[in-house]
Amino acid sequence: MMSATSTLAMTHLVTLADSFDKDKVTPGVLGFIVFAVIGGAVWLLMKSMNKHMKKVDFAEQPEEGEPAADAPAGSAAAGPKAG
């Protein structure tokens, strides 16, 4: 059973709900909070990504058996000189 106080409170909430325009939809405070949390998460992810990208070494290391890219073409193909 509902008490008189809760019935009175519900009556006030129903009258407040009727005063709003039913054709107008707004996100309200909850929408702003969700948007702000998503924005903060994206900012933190971008910050973390930048930190990790600074650690990446983009210079390729030659595999074993392949000539180095910096070496002159003639010296790598000729091999060791017999003397």
C-alpha atoms as a PDB file:
ATOM      1  CA  MET A   1       0.000   0.000   0.000  1.00  0.00           C
ATOM      2  CA  MET A   2       1.108   3.527  -0.703  1.00  0.00           C
ATOM      3  CA  SER A   3       1.239   6.039   2.101  1.00  0.00           C
ATOM      4  CA  ALA A   4      -0.357   9.454   1.865  1.00  0.00           C
ATOM      5  CA  THR A   5       3.040  11.115   1.504  1.00  0.00           C
ATOM      6  CA  SER A   6       4.100   8.973  -1.447  1.00  0.00           C
ATOM      7  CA  THR A   7       0.697   9.485  -3.099  1.00  0.00           C
ATOM      8  CA  LEU A   8       1.049  13.247  -2.716  1.00  0.00           C
ATOM      9  CA  ALA A   9       4.591  13.136  -4.134  1.00  0.00           C
ATOM     10  CA  MET A  10       3.445  11.093  -7.128  1.00  0.00           C
ATOM     11  CA  THR A  11       0.617  13.561  -7.750  1.00  0.00           C
ATOM     12  CA  HIS A  12       3.122  16.448  -7.918  1.00  0.00           C
ATOM     13  CA  LEU A  13       5.396  14.499 -10.290  1.00  0.00           C
ATOM     14  CA  VAL A  14       2.510  13.704 -12.623  1.00  0.00           C
ATOM     15  CA  THR A  15       1.510  17.372 -12.848  1.00  0.00           C
ATOM     16  CA  LEU A  16       5.123  18.334 -13.572  1.00  0.00           C
ATOM     17  CA  ALA A  17       5.302  15.726 -16.323  1.00  0.00           C
ATOM     18  CA  ASP A  18       2.182  17.136 -17.960  1.00  0.00           C
ATOM     19  CA  SER A  19       3.674  20.643 -18.103  1.00  0.00           C
ATOM     20  CA  PHE A  20       6.527  19.528 -20.411  1.00  0.00           C
ATOM     21  CA  ASP A  21       6.109  19.806 -24.175  1.00  0.00           C
ATOM     22  CA  LYS A  22       5.742  16.224 -25.402  1.00  0.00           C
ATOM     23  CA  ASP A  23       6.902  17.147 -28.929  1.00  0.00           C
ATOM     24  CA  LYS A  24      10.246  18.501 -27.721  1.00  0.00           C
ATOM     25  CA  VAL A  25      13.009  15.991 -27.012  1.00  0.00           C
ATOM     26  CA  THR A  26      16.173  17.096 -25.214  1.00  0.00           C
ATOM     27  CA  PRO A  27      19.128  15.026 -24.005  1.00  0.00           C
ATOM     28  CA  GLY A  28      19.232  16.711 -20.620  1.00  0.00           C
ATOM     29  CA  VAL A  29      21.915  16.354 -17.987  1.00  0.00           C
ATOM     30  CA  LEU A  30      22.336  12.606 -18.486  1.00  0.00           C
ATOM     31  CA  GLY A  31      23.050  13.128 -22.188  1.00  0.00           C
ATOM     32  CA  PHE A  32      25.676  15.739 -21.367  1.00  0.00           C
ATOM     33  CA  ILE A  33      27.330  13.461 -18.801  1.00  0.00           C
ATOM     34  CA  VAL A  34      27.460  10.537 -21.249  1.00  0.00           C
ATOM     35  CA  PHE A  35      28.864  12.787 -23.986  1.00  0.00           C
ATOM     36  CA  ALA A  36      31.488  14.211 -21.608  1.00  0.00           C
ATOM     37  CA  VAL A  37      32.563  10.724 -20.489  1.00  0.00           C
ATOM     38  CA  ILE A  38      32.894   9.558 -24.094  1.00  0.00           C
ATOM     39  CA  GLY A  39      34.898  12.685 -24.951  1.00  0.00           C
ATOM     40  CA  GLY A  40      37.199  12.140 -21.970  1.00  0.00           C
ATOM     41  CA  ALA A  41      37.710   8.497 -22.933  1.00  0.00           C
ATOM     42  CA  VAL A  42      38.626   9.459 -26.500  1.00  0.00           C
ATOM     43  CA  TRP A  43      41.077  12.067 -25.201  1.00  0.00           C
ATOM     44  CA  LEU A  44      42.747   9.508 -22.914  1.00  0.00           C
ATOM     45  CA  LEU A  45      42.950   6.966 -25.756  1.00  0.00           C
ATOM     46  CA  MET A  46      44.558   9.532 -28.067  1.00  0.00           C
ATOM     47  CA  LYS A  47      47.055  10.492 -25.371  1.00  0.00           C
ATOM     48  CA  SER A  48      47.945   6.826 -24.813  1.00  0.00           C
ATOM     49  CA  MET A  49      48.226   6.205 -28.559  1.00  0.00           C
ATOM     50  CA  ASN A  50      50.643   9.126 -28.971  1.00  0.00           C
ATOM     51  CA  LYS A  51      52.794   7.796 -26.130  1.00  0.00           C
ATOM     52  CA  HIS A  52      52.942   4.337 -27.692  1.00  0.00           C
ATOM     53  CA  MET A  53      53.593   5.672 -31.208  1.00  0.00           C
ATOM     54  CA  LYS A  54      56.635   7.600 -29.940  1.00  0.00           C
ATOM     55  CA  LYS A  55      58.131   4.276 -28.814  1.00  0.00           C
ATOM     56  CA  VAL A  56      57.841   2.696 -32.283  1.00  0.00           C
ATOM     57  CA  ASP A  57      61.078   2.431 -34.280  1.00  0.00           C
ATOM     58  CA  PHE A  58      60.203   2.769 -37.961  1.00  0.00           C
ATOM     59  CA  ALA A  59      63.699   1.940 -39.288  1.00  0.00           C
ATOM     60  CA  GLU A  60      63.579  -1.552 -40.754  1.00  0.00           C
ATOM     61  CA  GLN A  61      66.352  -3.948 -39.781  1.00  0.00           C
ATOM     62  CA  PRO A  62      67.612  -6.182 -42.606  1.00  0.00           C
ATOM     63  CA  GLU A  63      66.975  -9.868 -42.133  1.00  0.00           C
ATOM     64  CA  GLU A  64      69.846 -12.333 -42.108  1.00  0.00           C
ATOM     65  CA  GLY A  65      71.112 -13.073 -45.594  1.00  0.00           C
ATOM     66  CA  GLU A  66      69.761  -9.845 -47.091  1.00  0.00           C
ATOM     67  CA  PRO A  67      72.103  -6.975 -47.961  1.00  0.00           C
ATOM     68  CA  ALA A  68      71.699  -3.816 -45.919  1.00  0.00           C
ATOM     69  CA  ALA A  69      69.843  -1.002 -47.654  1.00  0.00           C
ATOM     70  CA  ASP A  70      72.542   1.529 -46.673  1.00  0.00           C
ATOM     71  CA  ALA A  71      75.408  -0.509 -48.142  1.00  0.00           C
ATOM     72  CA  PRO A  72      76.574   0.248 -51.702  1.00  0.00           C
ATOM     73  CA  ALA A  73      75.165  -2.199 -54.231  1.00  0.00           C
ATOM     74  CA  GLY A  74      78.556  -3.374 -55.557  1.00  0.00           C
ATOM     75  CA  SER A  75      80.131  -4.275 -52.213  1.00  0.00           C
ATOM     76  CA  ALA A  76      77.280  -6.486 -51.050  1.00  0.00           C
ATOM     77  CA  ALA A  77      77.047  -8.436 -54.308  1.00  0.00           C
ATOM     78  CA  ALA A  78      80.820  -8.994 -54.678  1.00  0.00           C
ATOM     79  CA  GLY A  79      81.200 -10.727 -51.340  1.00  0.00           C
ATOM     80  CA  PRO A  80      84.529 -10.999 -49.482  1.00  0.00           C
ATOM     81  CA  LYS A  81      87.663 -10.307 -51.516  1.00  0.00           C
ATOM     82  CA  ALA A  82      90.228 -13.055 -51.850  1.00  0.00           C
ATOM     83  CA  GLY A  83      93.657 -11.639 -51.486  1.00  0.00           C
END
